[in-house]
C-alpha atoms as a PDB file:
ATOM      1  CA  MET A   1       2.808  31.055  -9.821  1.00  0.00           C
ATOM      2  CA  ASP A   2       1.390  29.039  -7.063  1.00  0.00           C
ATOM      3  CA  TRP A   3      -0.924  26.318  -6.395  1.00  0.00           C
ATOM      4  CA  PRO A   4      -4.206  25.951  -3.767  1.00  0.00           C
ATOM      5  CA  ILE A   5      -4.089  23.404  -1.280  1.00  0.00           C
ATOM      6  CA  SER A   6      -6.850  21.808  -3.184  1.00  0.00           C
ATOM      7  CA  GLU A   7      -5.050  21.362  -6.796  1.00  0.00           C
ATOM      8  CA  VAL A   8      -2.000  20.247  -5.241  1.00  0.00           C
ATOM      9  CA  ALA A   9      -4.410  17.784  -3.831  1.00  0.00           C
ATOM     10  CA  ARG A  10      -5.426  16.370  -6.922  1.00  0.00           C
ATOM     11  CA  MET A  11      -2.647  16.507  -8.891  1.00  0.00           C
ATOM     12  CA  SER A  12      -1.031  14.413  -6.692  1.00  0.00           C
ATOM     13  CA  GLY A  13      -3.260  11.630  -5.045  1.00  0.00           C
ATOM     14  CA  VAL A  14      -2.633  13.702  -1.249  1.00  0.00           C
ATOM     15  CA  THR A  15      -5.245  14.343   0.749  1.00  0.00           C
ATOM     16  CA  ALA A  16      -5.240  17.487   1.883  1.00  0.00           C
ATOM     17  CA  ARG A  17      -5.756  17.020   5.672  1.00  0.00           C
ATOM     18  CA  THR A  18      -2.010  14.485   4.990  1.00  0.00           C
ATOM     19  CA  LEU A  19      -0.557  18.551   3.125  1.00  0.00           C
ATOM     20  CA  ARG A  20      -1.706  20.813   6.222  1.00  0.00           C
ATOM     21  CA  HIS A  21      -0.115  17.277   8.690  1.00  0.00           C
ATOM     22  CA  TYR A  22       3.000  18.138   6.305  1.00  0.00           C
ATOM     23  CA  ASP A  23       2.517  21.942   7.083  1.00  0.00           C
ATOM     24  CA  GLU A  24       2.040  21.345  11.185  1.00  0.00           C
ATOM     25  CA  THR A  25       5.328  19.323  11.140  1.00  0.00           C
ATOM     26  CA  GLY A  26       7.352  21.174   9.697  1.00  0.00           C
ATOM     27  CA  LEU A  27       7.951  19.112   6.720  1.00  0.00           C
ATOM     28  CA  LEU A  28       5.622  20.941   3.990  1.00  0.00           C
ATOM     29  CA  PRO A  29       5.518  23.953   4.487  1.00  0.00           C
ATOM     30  CA  PRO A  30       3.306  25.861   1.971  1.00  0.00           C
ATOM     31  CA  ALA A  31       4.686  29.287   0.407  1.00  0.00           C
ATOM     32  CA  ARG A  32       2.878  31.431   1.739  1.00  0.00           C
ATOM     33  CA  THR A  33      -0.868  31.583   3.661  1.00  0.00           C
ATOM     34  CA  GLY A  34      -3.837  34.009   2.382  1.00  0.00           C
ATOM     35  CA  ALA A  35      -5.637  36.126   3.990  1.00  0.00           C
ATOM     36  CA  ASN A  36      -8.461  33.609   4.135  1.00  0.00           C
ATOM     37  CA  GLY A  37      -6.509  31.323   5.863  1.00  0.00           C
ATOM     38  CA  HIS A  38      -5.947  28.962   2.503  1.00  0.00           C
ATOM     39  CA  ARG A  39      -1.871  27.028   1.432  1.00  0.00           C
ATOM     40  CA  TYR A  40      -0.485  28.142  -2.188  1.00  0.00           C
ATOM     41  CA  TYR A  41       2.320  26.319  -3.140  1.00  0.00           C
ATOM     42  CA  GLY A  42       4.799  27.117  -5.496  1.00  0.00           C
ATOM     43  CA  GLU A  43       6.870  24.738  -7.715  1.00  0.00           C
ATOM     44  CA  ARG A  44       9.529  24.119  -4.989  1.00  0.00           C
ATOM     45  CA  GLN A  45       7.207  22.863  -2.801  1.00  0.00           C
ATOM     46  CA  LEU A  46       5.950  20.757  -5.380  1.00  0.00           C
ATOM     47  CA  LEU A  47       9.243  19.588  -6.036  1.00  0.00           C
ATOM     48  CA  ARG A  48       9.573  18.423  -2.169  1.00  0.00           C
ATOM     49  CA  LEU A  49       6.434  17.230  -2.614  1.00  0.00           C
ATOM     50  CA  GLN A  50       7.954  15.118  -5.336  1.00  0.00           C
ATOM     51  CA  GLN A  51      10.365  13.818  -3.043  1.00  0.00           C
ATOM     52  CA  ILE A  52       8.549  12.844   0.606  1.00  0.00           C
ATOM     53  CA  LEU A  53       6.844  10.899  -2.469  1.00  0.00           C
ATOM     54  CA  VAL A  54       9.058   8.996  -3.795  1.00  0.00           C
ATOM     55  CA  LEU A  55      11.148   7.965  -0.201  1.00  0.00           C
ATOM     56  CA  ARG A  56       7.065   7.166   0.735  1.00  0.00           C
ATOM     57  CA  ALA A  57       6.938   4.424  -2.265  1.00  0.00           C
ATOM     58  CA  LEU A  58      10.565   3.536  -0.953  1.00  0.00           C
ATOM     59  CA  GLY A  59       8.819   2.176   2.280  1.00  0.00           C
ATOM     60  CA  VAL A  60      10.646   5.732   4.205  1.00  0.00           C
ATOM     61  CA  GLY A  61       9.299   7.112   7.447  1.00  0.00           C
ATOM     62  CA  VAL A  62       8.320   9.972   7.492  1.00  0.00           C
ATOM     63  CA  PRO A  63      10.203  11.037  10.310  1.00  0.00           C
ATOM     64  CA  GLU A  64      13.541  10.282   8.037  1.00  0.00           C
ATOM     65  CA  ILE A  65      12.560  11.907   5.124  1.00  0.00           C
ATOM     66  CA  GLY A  66      12.142  14.729   7.424  1.00  0.00           C
ATOM     67  CA  ARG A  67      16.381  14.158   8.245  1.00  0.00           C
ATOM     68  CA  ILE A  68      17.017  13.544   5.014  1.00  0.00           C
ATOM     69  CA  LEU A  69      15.219  16.475   2.851  1.00  0.00           C
ATOM     70  CA  SER A  70      16.681  18.616   5.714  1.00  0.00           C
ATOM     71  CA  GLU A  71      19.742  17.842   5.137  1.00  0.00           C
ATOM     72  CA  GLN A  72      20.490  17.885   1.505  1.00  0.00           C
ATOM     73  CA  VAL A  73      20.840  20.847  -1.132  1.00  0.00           C
ATOM     74  CA  ASP A  74      20.912  20.852  -4.579  1.00  0.00           C
ATOM     75  CA  GLU A  75      17.956  19.136  -5.512  1.00  0.00           C
ATOM     76  CA  VAL A  76      19.252  17.684  -9.089  1.00  0.00           C
ATOM     77  CA  ASP A  77      21.874  15.917  -6.131  1.00  0.00           C
ATOM     78  CA  ALA A  78      18.569  15.031  -4.525  1.00  0.00           C
ATOM     79  CA  LEU A  79      16.789  12.673  -7.697  1.00  0.00           C
ATOM     80  CA  ARG A  80      19.557  11.288  -9.087  1.00  0.00           C
ATOM     81  CA  GLY A  81      20.055   9.737  -5.368  1.00  0.00           C
ATOM     82  CA  HIS A  82      16.304   9.029  -5.623  1.00  0.00           C
ATOM     83  CA  HIS A  83      16.117   7.866  -8.698  1.00  0.00           C
ATOM     84  CA  GLN A  84      18.963   5.135  -7.713  1.00  0.00           C
ATOM     85  CA  ARG A  85      16.701   3.838  -5.251  1.00  0.00           C
ATOM     86  CA  LEU A  86      13.828   3.189  -7.181  1.00  0.00           C
ATOM     87  CA  LEU A  87      16.190   1.178 -10.455  1.00  0.00           C
ATOM     88  CA  GLU A  88      16.879  -0.483  -7.172  1.00  0.00           C
ATOM     89  CA  GLU A  89      13.823  -1.150  -5.808  1.00  0.00           C
ATOM     90  CA  ARG A  90      11.996  -1.590  -9.538  1.00  0.00           C
ATOM     91  CA  ASP A  91      15.000  -5.075  -9.854  1.00  0.00           C
ATOM     92  CA  ARG A  92      14.395  -6.256  -6.076  1.00  0.00           C
ATOM     93  CA  LEU A  93      10.314  -6.462  -6.966  1.00  0.00           C
ATOM     94  CA  ASP A  94      10.976  -8.254  -9.831  1.00  0.00           C
ATOM     95  CA  THR A  95      13.208 -10.550  -8.375  1.00  0.00           C
ATOM     96  CA  LEU A  96      10.732 -11.072  -6.058  1.00  0.00           C
ATOM     97  CA  ALA A  97       7.644 -11.856  -8.175  1.00  0.00           C
ATOM     98  CA  GLY A  98       9.767 -14.576 -10.037  1.00  0.00           C
ATOM     99  CA  THR A  99      10.321 -16.079  -6.088  1.00  0.00           C
ATOM    100  CA  VAL A 100       6.187 -15.903  -6.071  1.00  0.00           C
ATOM    101  CA  SER A 101       5.779 -17.252  -9.405  1.00  0.00           C
ATOM    102  CA  ARG A 102       7.707 -19.865  -8.840  1.00  0.00           C
ATOM    103  CA  THR A 103       6.457 -20.726  -5.449  1.00  0.00           C
ATOM    104  CA  ILE A 104       2.975 -20.734  -7.344  1.00  0.00           C
ATOM    105  CA  ALA A 105       3.130 -22.889 -10.026  1.00  0.00           C
ATOM    106  CA  GLU A 106       5.276 -25.039  -7.704  1.00  0.00           C
ATOM    107  CA  LEU A 107       2.437 -25.279  -5.332  1.00  0.00           C
ATOM    108  CA  GLU A 108      -0.058 -25.773  -8.664  1.00  0.00           C
ATOM    109  CA  GLN A 109       2.424 -28.825  -9.934  1.00  0.00           C
ATOM    110  CA  SER A 110       2.241 -29.868  -6.347  1.00  0.00           C
ATOM    111  CA  ARG A 111      -1.480 -30.305  -6.874  1.00  0.00           C
ATOM    112  CA  LYS A 112      -1.034 -32.138 -10.316  1.00  0.00           C
ATOM    113  CA  ASP A 113       1.422 -34.970  -9.149  1.00  0.00           C
ATOM    114  CA  GLY A 114      -1.023 -35.358  -5.900  1.00  0.00           C
ATOM    115  CA  ASN A 115       2.112 -34.390  -3.941  1.00  0.00           C
ATOM    116  CA  PRO A 116       1.975 -33.016  -0.768  1.00  0.00           C
ATOM    117  CA  MET A 117       1.674 -29.329  -0.735  1.00  0.00           C
ATOM    118  CA  THR A 118       4.299 -27.003   0.736  1.00  0.00           C
ATOM    119  CA  ILE A 119       5.729 -23.614   0.315  1.00  0.00           C
ATOM    120  CA  ASN A 120       9.031 -22.013   0.501  1.00  0.00           C
ATOM    121  CA  ARG A 121       8.849 -18.632   2.228  1.00  0.00           C
ATOM    122  CA  PRO A 122      12.633 -17.420   2.063  1.00  0.00           C
ATOM    123  CA  GLU A 123      12.596 -13.809   3.996  1.00  0.00           C
ATOM    124  CA  ASN A 124      12.915 -11.837   1.246  1.00  0.00           C
ATOM    125  CA  LEU A 125       9.099 -13.062   0.450  1.00  0.00           C
ATOM    126  CA  PHE A 126       8.010 -10.859   2.312  1.00  0.00           C
ATOM    127  CA  GLU A 127       9.708  -7.438   0.956  1.00  0.00           C
ATOM    128  CA  GLY A 128       7.732  -5.544  -1.883  1.00  0.00           C
ATOM    129  CA  VAL A 129       4.912  -3.648  -0.473  1.00  0.00           C
ATOM    130  CA  ALA A 130       5.597  -0.268   0.658  1.00  0.00           C
ATOM    131  CA  PRO A 131       3.024   1.268   2.845  1.00  0.00           C
ATOM    132  CA  PHE A 132       3.059   3.931   1.201  1.00  0.00           C
ATOM    133  CA  GLN A 133       1.471   1.529  -1.889  1.00  0.00           C
ATOM    134  CA  TYR A 134      -1.227   0.647   0.530  1.00  0.00           C
ATOM    135  CA  GLU A 135      -2.197   3.991   1.305  1.00  0.00           C
ATOM    136  CA  GLU A 136      -2.279   4.788  -2.074  1.00  0.00           C
ATOM    137  CA  ASN A 137      -4.233   2.392  -2.497  1.00  0.00           C
ATOM    138  CA  MET A 138      -6.924   2.897  -0.390  1.00  0.00           C
ATOM    139  CA  ARG A 139      -7.120   6.387  -2.513  1.00  0.00           C
ATOM    140  CA  ASP A 140     -11.220   5.721  -3.191  1.00  0.00           C
ATOM    141  CA  PHE A 141     -11.561   5.359  -0.179  1.00  0.00           C
ATOM    142  CA  PRO A 142      -9.941   8.585   1.578  1.00  0.00           C
ATOM    143  CA  GLU A 143     -11.352   8.582   5.291  1.00  0.00           C
ATOM    144  CA  LEU A 144      -9.713   4.931   5.848  1.00  0.00           C
ATOM    145  CA  ALA A 145      -6.581   6.419   3.807  1.00  0.00           C
ATOM    146  CA  GLU A 146      -6.561   9.132   6.064  1.00  0.00           C
ATOM    147  CA  ALA A 147      -6.435   6.651   9.224  1.00  0.00           C
ATOM    148  CA  VAL A 148      -4.673   4.509   7.435  1.00  0.00           C
ATOM    149  CA  ALA A 149      -1.628   8.153   6.801  1.00  0.00           C
ATOM    150  CA  ARG A 150      -1.828   8.957  10.560  1.00  0.00           C
ATOM    151  CA  ARG A 151      -1.033   4.926  11.575  1.00  0.00           C
ATOM    152  CA  ALA A 152       1.950   4.929   8.634  1.00  0.00           C
ATOM    153  CA  ASP A 153       3.294   8.394  10.115  1.00  0.00           C
ATOM    154  CA  ALA A 154       3.231   7.208  14.090  1.00  0.00           C
ATOM    155  CA  MET A 155       5.083   4.440  12.747  1.00  0.00           C
ATOM    156  CA  SER A 156       8.974   3.515  13.440  1.00  0.00           C
ATOM    157  CA  GLN A 157      10.662   2.313  10.264  1.00  0.00           C
ATOM    158  CA  ALA A 158      10.612  -1.428  12.465  1.00  0.00           C
ATOM    159  CA  ASP A 159       6.904  -1.698  12.905  1.00  0.00           C
ATOM    160  CA  ALA A 160       6.374   0.083   9.002  1.00  0.00           C
ATOM    161  CA  ASP A 161       8.214  -2.857   7.646  1.00  0.00           C
ATOM    162  CA  ASP A 162       6.449  -5.762  10.120  1.00  0.00           C
ATOM    163  CA  ALA A 163       3.264  -3.740   8.765  1.00  0.00           C
ATOM    164  CA  HIS A 164       4.180  -4.136   4.884  1.00  0.00           C
ATOM    165  CA  ARG A 165       5.510  -7.787   5.859  1.00  0.00           C
ATOM    166  CA  GLU A 166       2.348  -9.035   7.047  1.00  0.00           C
ATOM    167  CA  ARG A 167       0.191  -7.775   4.775  1.00  0.00           C
ATOM    168  CA  THR A 168       2.252  -9.418   2.265  1.00  0.00           C
ATOM    169  CA  ALA A 169       1.576 -12.823   4.505  1.00  0.00           C
ATOM    170  CA  GLN A 170      -1.173 -12.263   4.340  1.00  0.00           C
ATOM    171  CA  MET A 171      -1.719 -12.426   0.295  1.00  0.00           C
ATOM    172  CA  ILE A 172       0.960 -15.456   0.354  1.00  0.00           C
ATOM    173  CA  ARG A 173      -1.636 -17.241   2.753  1.00  0.00           C
ATOM    174  CA  LEU A 174      -4.332 -16.497   0.193  1.00  0.00           C
ATOM    175  CA  ALA A 175      -2.218 -17.668  -2.058  1.00  0.00           C
ATOM    176  CA  GLU A 176      -2.228 -21.177  -1.361  1.00  0.00           C
ATOM    177  CA  LEU A 177      -5.966 -21.225  -0.336  1.00  0.00           C
ATOM    178  CA  MET A 178      -6.371 -20.529  -4.089  1.00  0.00           C
ATOM    179  CA  ALA A 179      -3.861 -23.141  -5.249  1.00  0.00           C
ATOM    180  CA  ALA A 180      -4.916 -25.420  -3.196  1.00  0.00           C
ATOM    181  CA  GLY A 181      -8.469 -25.411  -4.634  1.00  0.00           C
ATOM    182  CA  LEU A 182     -10.674 -24.187  -1.682  1.00  0.00           C
ATOM    183  CA  PRO A 183     -13.765 -22.083  -2.907  1.00  0.00           C
ATOM    184  CA  ALA A 184     -14.139 -18.345  -1.691  1.00  0.00           C
ATOM    185  CA  ASP A 185     -16.142 -19.167   0.710  1.00  0.00           C
ATOM    186  CA  ALA A 186     -14.507 -22.206   2.563  1.00  0.00           C
ATOM    187  CA  ASP A 187     -13.661 -21.741   6.364  1.00  0.00           C
ATOM    188  CA  PRO A 188      -9.385 -21.134   6.297  1.00  0.00           C
ATOM    189  CA  VAL A 189     -10.256 -18.129   3.997  1.00  0.00           C
ATOM    190  CA  GLN A 190     -13.081 -16.763   5.507  1.00  0.00           C
ATOM    191  CA  ALA A 191     -10.427 -16.978   8.556  1.00  0.00           C
ATOM    192  CA  GLU A 192      -8.142 -14.813   6.322  1.00  0.00           C
ATOM    193  CA  VAL A 193     -10.497 -12.136   5.560  1.00  0.00           C
ATOM    194  CA  ASP A 194     -11.954 -11.673   8.685  1.00  0.00           C
ATOM    195  CA  ALA A 195      -8.360 -10.976  10.323  1.00  0.00           C
ATOM    196  CA  GLN A 196      -8.066  -8.236   7.476  1.00  0.00           C
ATOM    197  CA  TYR A 197     -11.267  -6.810   8.088  1.00  0.00           C
ATOM    198  CA  ARG A 198     -10.728  -6.432  11.620  1.00  0.00           C
ATOM    199  CA  ALA A 199      -7.153  -4.434  11.258  1.00  0.00           C
ATOM    200  CA  LEU A 200      -9.173  -1.949   9.245  1.00  0.00           C
ATOM    201  CA  THR A 201     -11.781  -2.277  11.895  1.00  0.00           C
ATOM    202  CA  ALA A 202      -8.627  -1.091  14.012  1.00  0.00           C
ATOM    203  CA  LEU A 203      -8.768   2.229  12.743  1.00  0.00           C
ATOM    204  CA  ARG A 204     -12.109   2.874  11.489  1.00  0.00           C
ATOM    205  CA  ALA A 205     -15.731   1.392  11.366  1.00  0.00           C
ATOM    206  CA  VAL A 206     -16.238  -0.544   8.241  1.00  0.00           C
ATOM    207  CA  SER A 207     -19.555  -0.674   6.936  1.00  0.00           C
ATOM    208  CA  ALA A 208     -20.747  -4.271   4.412  1.00  0.00           C
ATOM    209  CA  GLU A 209     -21.054  -1.772   1.236  1.00  0.00           C
ATOM    210  CA  GLU A 210     -17.912  -0.455   2.107  1.00  0.00           C
ATOM    211  CA  TYR A 211     -15.895  -3.737   2.386  1.00  0.00           C
ATOM    212  CA  ARG A 212     -17.561  -4.911  -0.214  1.00  0.00           C
ATOM    213  CA  ALA A 213     -16.315  -1.785  -2.749  1.00  0.00           C
ATOM    214  CA  ILE A 214     -12.853  -1.986  -1.431  1.00  0.00           C
ATOM    215  CA  GLY A 215     -13.169  -5.620  -2.509  1.00  0.00           C
ATOM    216  CA  SER A 216     -14.215  -5.010  -6.174  1.00  0.00           C
ATOM    217  CA  SER A 217     -11.225  -1.582  -6.061  1.00  0.00           C
ATOM    218  CA  ILE A 218      -8.909  -5.175  -5.493  1.00  0.00           C
ATOM    219  CA  VAL A 219      -9.753  -5.264  -9.474  1.00  0.00           C
ATOM    220  CA  ASP A 220     -10.573  -1.854 -10.455  1.00  0.00           C
ATOM    221  CA  ASN A 221      -7.838  -0.169  -9.136  1.00  0.00           C
ATOM    222  CA  GLU A 222      -4.454  -0.618 -11.507  1.00  0.00           C
ATOM    223  CA  THR A 223      -1.344  -0.867  -8.850  1.00  0.00           C
ATOM    224  CA  TRP A 224      -3.753  -2.535  -6.312  1.00  0.00           C
ATOM    225  CA  ARG A 225      -4.932  -5.684  -9.239  1.00  0.00           C
ATOM    226  CA  ALA A 226      -1.123  -5.516 -10.050  1.00  0.00           C
ATOM    227  CA  ALA A 227      -0.206  -6.913  -6.411  1.00  0.00           C
ATOM    228  CA  TYR A 228      -2.280  -9.345  -5.868  1.00  0.00           C
ATOM    229  CA  GLU A 229      -1.241 -10.751  -9.784  1.00  0.00           C
ATOM    230  CA  ALA A 230       1.982 -10.457  -9.270  1.00  0.00           C
ATOM    231  CA  ILE A 231       1.841 -13.674  -6.664  1.00  0.00           C
ATOM    232  CA  ALA A 232      -0.948 -15.236  -8.305  1.00  0.00           C
ATOM    233  CA  SER A 233      -3.230 -14.720 -11.260  1.00  0.00           C
ATOM    234  CA  GLY A 234      -6.723 -14.507 -10.265  1.00  0.00           C
ATOM    235  CA  LEU A 235      -5.573 -13.856  -6.761  1.00  0.00           C
ATOM    236  CA  ALA A 236      -6.871 -10.092  -6.695  1.00  0.00           C
ATOM    237  CA  ALA A 237     -10.875 -11.928  -7.739  1.00  0.00           C
ATOM    238  CA  TYR A 238     -10.558 -14.520  -5.602  1.00  0.00           C
ATOM    239  CA  GLN A 239      -9.496 -12.473  -2.526  1.00  0.00           C
ATOM    240  CA  ARG A 240     -12.373  -9.863  -4.125  1.00  0.00           C
ATOM    241  CA  ASP A 241     -15.046 -12.897  -4.094  1.00  0.00           C
ATOM    242  CA  ALA A 242     -13.378 -13.838  -0.348  1.00  0.00           C
ATOM    243  CA  ILE A 243     -14.898 -10.251   1.124  1.00  0.00           C
ATOM    244  CA  GLU A 244     -18.004 -10.342  -0.769  1.00  0.00           C
ATOM    245  CA  VAL A 245     -19.251 -13.965   0.928  1.00  0.00           C
ATOM    246  CA  TYR A 246     -17.743 -12.132   4.116  1.00  0.00           C
ATOM    247  CA  ALA A 247     -19.957  -8.937   3.629  1.00  0.00           C
ATOM    248  CA  THR A 248     -23.176 -11.458   2.919  1.00  0.00           C
ATOM    249  CA  THR A 249     -22.462 -14.016   5.565  1.00  0.00           C
ATOM    250  CA  ARG A 250     -21.422 -11.970   8.347  1.00  0.00           C
ATOM    251  CA  LEU A 251     -22.342  -7.977   7.925  1.00  0.00           C
ATOM    252  CA  ASN A 252     -25.519  -7.941   6.934  1.00  0.00           C
END
């Protein structure tokens, strides 16, 4: 049995354009190509796609994934290795969530006590938001998701690590501002949102309406919301409200 590219895209959440790119680069050739030029995928290709997505979720870059898969022989052994890495990643994220949660609690206690606010940011504070997770969160915005995917595919592993650390750093800075009691329309908050908007528009033009929709998705998308809430309770809604203010006052 095989499946057309549209069905594989629906099942996996990977855009058809990305699947075609994987074919063109040799990472995931289809089982066959029909007379009409349409690509069809069999069970072996679906298993390979699963491995690609697992490795992307672990933050591995596309060139490195190609090397890893080319060196594999036994699929069960490969999946055991991926499973072990996922368990290690889960433990690391649990540790990260605990670290950030304690930091926010300390900030809130500083406010209550009237002491100067400080925040401890150890190196591992910026680990945990993999580029592919960010790409998946943009699934409701296919054109923007494809732009993010193209940029991610072209990145070195070091560049990808820097990018996801900066995204996490942005979330931490917003959490600091929220803990300090600043409203969503405060200038420092809007400056953070402006930096985020400029990063998006460096990939593709983003209208006020689309930016509002992205803000809403941060709350409505369960995975995206969980990433924000792991840093501070209420942070997803705070980001959404800040985007709404920005879109209304600067983009309309």
